[in-house]
Amino acid sequence: MADLKAQFEKAAEDVKKLGERPDNDTLLKLYALYKQGSEGDVSGPKPGFFDFVGTAKYEAWTKLKGMAPDEAMKKYIELVRKLGA
């Protein structure tokens, strides 16, 4: 687990160094996998109707409800690697 956590944290740093900004769908996927891997299932109230970005993030994270944090970490690491970080 400690090794997975270290790889996850390194991927979180690597994603900041991407040469090119990923498209919005990929950014939402990265966000949701990161949150699921670091915090588990979504918590807190859904953002207001006019908070479009917040709502999109919340909904992307909600789709991963029930996914084990370890699995989310692995998928996050894999996605960051695919992006070339």
N, C-alpha and C. Protein backbone atom coordinates (compact mmCIF):
# COMPACT_ATOMS: atom_id res chain seq x y z
N MET A 1 0.84 -1.21 0.00
CA MET A 1 0.00 0.00 0.00
C MET A 1 0.87 1.26 0.00
N ALA A 2 1.95 1.23 0.79
CA ALA A 2 2.80 2.41 0.87
C ALA A 2 3.41 2.73 -0.50
N ASP A 3 3.76 1.67 -1.26
CA ASP A 3 4.32 1.86 -2.58
C ASP A 3 3.29 2.47 -3.53
N LEU A 4 2.06 1.98 -3.44
CA LEU A 4 0.97 2.52 -4.28
C LEU A 4 0.73 3.99 -3.94
N LYS A 5 0.72 4.30 -2.66
CA LYS A 5 0.51 5.69 -2.21
C LYS A 5 1.62 6.60 -2.74
N ALA A 6 2.85 6.10 -2.72
CA ALA A 6 3.99 6.88 -3.22
C ALA A 6 3.86 7.11 -4.72
N GLN A 7 3.46 6.08 -5.47
CA GLN A 7 3.27 6.21 -6.91
C GLN A 7 2.14 7.20 -7.21
N PHE A 8 1.08 7.13 -6.42
CA PHE A 8 -0.08 8.02 -6.56
C PHE A 8 0.34 9.47 -6.35
N GLU A 9 1.10 9.72 -5.30
CA GLU A 9 1.56 11.08 -5.01
C GLU A 9 2.51 11.58 -6.10
N LYS A 10 3.37 10.68 -6.62
CA LYS A 10 4.27 11.08 -7.70
C LYS A 10 3.47 11.41 -8.95
N ALA A 11 2.44 10.61 -9.26
CA ALA A 11 1.59 10.88 -10.43
C ALA A 11 0.89 12.23 -10.27
N ALA A 12 0.48 12.56 -9.05
CA ALA A 12 -0.18 13.83 -8.79
C ALA A 12 0.78 15.00 -9.05
N GLU A 13 2.06 14.80 -8.77
CA GLU A 13 3.06 15.82 -9.08
C GLU A 13 3.35 15.86 -10.58
N ASP A 14 3.45 14.68 -11.18
CA ASP A 14 3.77 14.58 -12.62
C ASP A 14 2.70 15.23 -13.48
N VAL A 15 1.45 15.11 -13.07
CA VAL A 15 0.35 15.64 -13.89
C VAL A 15 0.47 17.17 -14.03
N LYS A 16 1.09 17.80 -13.07
CA LYS A 16 1.27 19.26 -13.12
C LYS A 16 2.33 19.66 -14.15
N LYS A 17 3.12 18.67 -14.59
CA LYS A 17 4.23 18.95 -15.51
C LYS A 17 3.91 18.55 -16.95
N LEU A 18 2.67 18.22 -17.22
CA LEU A 18 2.29 17.82 -18.58
C LEU A 18 2.59 18.95 -19.55
N GLY A 19 3.11 18.60 -20.72
CA GLY A 19 3.44 19.59 -21.72
C GLY A 19 2.21 20.28 -22.30
N GLU A 20 1.12 19.57 -22.32
CA GLU A 20 -0.10 20.06 -22.93
C GLU A 20 -1.28 19.83 -21.99
N ARG A 21 -2.17 20.79 -21.91
CA ARG A 21 -3.33 20.66 -21.02
C ARG A 21 -4.32 19.65 -21.61
N PRO A 22 -4.71 18.64 -20.81
CA PRO A 22 -5.67 17.65 -21.30
C PRO A 22 -7.05 18.29 -21.56
N ASP A 23 -7.88 17.60 -22.35
CA ASP A 23 -9.23 18.11 -22.60
C ASP A 23 -10.06 18.04 -21.31
N ASN A 24 -11.19 18.72 -21.31
CA ASN A 24 -12.01 18.81 -20.10
C ASN A 24 -12.48 17.47 -19.58
N ASP A 25 -12.85 16.54 -20.47
CA ASP A 25 -13.29 15.21 -20.02
C ASP A 25 -12.17 14.49 -19.28
N THR A 26 -10.96 14.60 -19.80
CA THR A 26 -9.81 13.96 -19.16
C THR A 26 -9.51 14.63 -17.83
N LEU A 27 -9.61 15.95 -17.78
CA LEU A 27 -9.39 16.66 -16.52
C LEU A 27 -10.40 16.23 -15.45
N LEU A 28 -11.66 16.07 -15.87
CA LEU A 28 -12.68 15.61 -14.92
C LEU A 28 -12.39 14.21 -14.43
N LYS A 29 -11.93 13.35 -15.34
CA LYS A 29 -11.59 11.97 -14.97
C LYS A 29 -10.43 11.98 -13.98
N LEU A 30 -9.41 12.80 -14.25
CA LEU A 30 -8.26 12.91 -13.34
C LEU A 30 -8.72 13.39 -11.96
N TYR A 31 -9.56 14.42 -11.96
CA TYR A 31 -10.06 14.98 -10.71
C TYR A 31 -10.81 13.92 -9.90
N ALA A 32 -11.74 13.24 -10.57
CA ALA A 32 -12.57 12.25 -9.88
C ALA A 32 -11.74 11.09 -9.34
N LEU A 33 -10.82 10.59 -10.14
CA LEU A 33 -9.96 9.49 -9.67
C LEU A 33 -9.07 9.94 -8.52
N TYR A 34 -8.57 11.16 -8.59
CA TYR A 34 -7.73 11.67 -7.50
C TYR A 34 -8.54 11.77 -6.21
N LYS A 35 -9.73 12.35 -6.30
CA LYS A 35 -10.56 12.51 -5.11
C LYS A 35 -10.97 11.15 -4.54
N GLN A 36 -11.35 10.22 -5.41
CA GLN A 36 -11.76 8.89 -4.95
C GLN A 36 -10.57 8.17 -4.31
N GLY A 37 -9.40 8.33 -4.88
CA GLY A 37 -8.20 7.69 -4.35
C GLY A 37 -7.73 8.30 -3.04
N SER A 38 -7.91 9.59 -2.89
CA SER A 38 -7.42 10.26 -1.69
C SER A 38 -8.46 10.41 -0.58
N GLU A 39 -9.75 10.50 -0.95
CA GLU A 39 -10.79 10.74 0.06
C GLU A 39 -11.88 9.68 0.11
N GLY A 40 -11.96 8.82 -0.90
CA GLY A 40 -13.04 7.83 -0.93
C GLY A 40 -14.28 8.41 -1.58
N ASP A 41 -15.43 7.85 -1.24
CA ASP A 41 -16.69 8.27 -1.85
C ASP A 41 -16.98 9.76 -1.64
N VAL A 42 -17.68 10.33 -2.60
CA VAL A 42 -18.04 11.74 -2.57
C VAL A 42 -18.76 12.09 -1.27
N SER A 43 -18.48 13.29 -0.77
CA SER A 43 -19.14 13.74 0.46
C SER A 43 -19.47 15.23 0.32
N GLY A 44 -20.35 15.68 1.16
CA GLY A 44 -20.72 17.09 1.12
C GLY A 44 -21.86 17.35 0.15
N PRO A 45 -22.44 18.53 0.25
CA PRO A 45 -23.57 18.87 -0.62
C PRO A 45 -23.12 19.15 -2.05
N LYS A 46 -24.01 18.87 -2.99
CA LYS A 46 -23.74 19.17 -4.40
C LYS A 46 -23.69 20.69 -4.57
N PRO A 47 -22.73 21.19 -5.36
CA PRO A 47 -22.64 22.63 -5.59
C PRO A 47 -23.93 23.18 -6.24
N GLY A 48 -24.12 24.47 -6.11
CA GLY A 48 -25.30 25.12 -6.65
C GLY A 48 -25.41 25.01 -8.16
N PHE A 49 -26.59 25.23 -8.67
CA PHE A 49 -26.90 25.08 -10.09
C PHE A 49 -25.99 25.93 -10.98
N PHE A 50 -25.65 27.13 -10.57
CA PHE A 50 -24.85 28.02 -11.40
C PHE A 50 -23.35 27.82 -11.25
N ASP A 51 -22.95 26.90 -10.39
CA ASP A 51 -21.53 26.55 -10.25
C ASP A 51 -21.27 25.38 -11.20
N PHE A 52 -21.14 25.70 -12.49
CA PHE A 52 -21.04 24.66 -13.51
C PHE A 52 -19.81 23.78 -13.34
N VAL A 53 -18.67 24.38 -13.05
CA VAL A 53 -17.44 23.61 -12.88
C VAL A 53 -17.53 22.72 -11.64
N GLY A 54 -17.98 23.31 -10.54
CA GLY A 54 -18.13 22.55 -9.30
C GLY A 54 -19.09 21.39 -9.46
N THR A 55 -20.19 21.64 -10.15
CA THR A 55 -21.19 20.59 -10.38
C THR A 55 -20.62 19.47 -11.25
N ALA A 56 -19.88 19.83 -12.29
CA ALA A 56 -19.28 18.82 -13.17
C ALA A 56 -18.28 17.96 -12.40
N LYS A 57 -17.48 18.59 -11.55
CA LYS A 57 -16.51 17.85 -10.74
C LYS A 57 -17.24 16.91 -9.77
N TYR A 58 -18.25 17.44 -9.11
CA TYR A 58 -19.01 16.65 -8.14
C TYR A 58 -19.64 15.43 -8.82
N GLU A 59 -20.25 15.65 -9.98
CA GLU A 59 -20.91 14.55 -10.69
C GLU A 59 -19.90 13.51 -11.19
N ALA A 60 -18.73 13.96 -11.65
CA ALA A 60 -17.69 13.02 -12.10
C ALA A 60 -17.23 12.15 -10.93
N TRP A 61 -17.07 12.77 -9.76
CA TRP A 61 -16.64 12.04 -8.56
C TRP A 61 -17.74 11.08 -8.11
N THR A 62 -19.00 11.51 -8.18
CA THR A 62 -20.13 10.68 -7.77
C THR A 62 -20.19 9.39 -8.59
N LYS A 63 -19.83 9.45 -9.86
CA LYS A 63 -19.86 8.27 -10.73
C LYS A 63 -18.92 7.17 -10.24
N LEU A 64 -17.95 7.52 -9.43
CA LEU A 64 -16.98 6.54 -8.94
C LEU A 64 -17.36 5.98 -7.56
N LYS A 65 -18.52 6.36 -7.07
CA LYS A 65 -18.95 5.91 -5.75
C LYS A 65 -18.88 4.39 -5.65
N GLY A 66 -18.29 3.90 -4.58
CA GLY A 66 -18.15 2.47 -4.37
C GLY A 66 -16.83 1.90 -4.86
N MET A 67 -16.09 2.66 -5.67
CA MET A 67 -14.78 2.19 -6.14
C MET A 67 -13.79 2.26 -4.98
N ALA A 68 -13.03 1.21 -4.79
CA ALA A 68 -12.03 1.18 -3.72
C ALA A 68 -10.97 2.25 -3.99
N PRO A 69 -10.52 2.94 -2.94
CA PRO A 69 -9.48 3.95 -3.13
C PRO A 69 -8.23 3.40 -3.83
N ASP A 70 -7.83 2.16 -3.50
CA ASP A 70 -6.65 1.57 -4.16
C ASP A 70 -6.86 1.45 -5.66
N GLU A 71 -8.04 1.03 -6.07
CA GLU A 71 -8.35 0.89 -7.49
C GLU A 71 -8.32 2.26 -8.18
N ALA A 72 -8.88 3.28 -7.51
CA ALA A 72 -8.87 4.64 -8.06
C ALA A 72 -7.44 5.15 -8.21
N MET A 73 -6.60 4.86 -7.22
CA MET A 73 -5.19 5.27 -7.31
C MET A 73 -4.52 4.63 -8.51
N LYS A 74 -4.74 3.33 -8.71
CA LYS A 74 -4.13 2.61 -9.84
C LYS A 74 -4.60 3.20 -11.17
N LYS A 75 -5.89 3.48 -11.29
CA LYS A 75 -6.43 4.05 -12.52
C LYS A 75 -5.89 5.46 -12.76
N TYR A 76 -5.73 6.23 -11.69
CA TYR A 76 -5.17 7.58 -11.79
C TYR A 76 -3.73 7.52 -12.31
N ILE A 77 -2.93 6.64 -11.70
CA ILE A 77 -1.53 6.49 -12.11
C ILE A 77 -1.45 6.08 -13.58
N GLU A 78 -2.28 5.13 -13.97
CA GLU A 78 -2.32 4.65 -15.35
C GLU A 78 -2.68 5.78 -16.32
N LEU A 79 -3.69 6.58 -15.96
CA LEU A 79 -4.12 7.67 -16.83
C LEU A 79 -3.02 8.73 -16.97
N VAL A 80 -2.37 9.07 -15.88
CA VAL A 80 -1.28 10.06 -15.92
C VAL A 80 -0.17 9.55 -16.83
N ARG A 81 0.15 8.27 -16.73
CA ARG A 81 1.20 7.68 -17.59
C ARG A 81 0.79 7.75 -19.06
N LYS A 82 -0.48 7.46 -19.35
CA LYS A 82 -0.97 7.53 -20.73
C LYS A 82 -0.85 8.94 -21.30
N LEU A 83 -0.99 9.92 -20.44
CA LEU A 83 -0.91 11.32 -20.87
C LEU A 83 0.54 11.75 -21.11
N GLY A 84 1.46 10.89 -20.75
CA GLY A 84 2.87 11.17 -21.03
C GLY A 84 3.61 11.92 -19.97
N ALA A 85 3.10 11.88 -18.75
CA ALA A 85 3.79 12.58 -17.66
C ALA A 85 4.92 11.71 -17.13
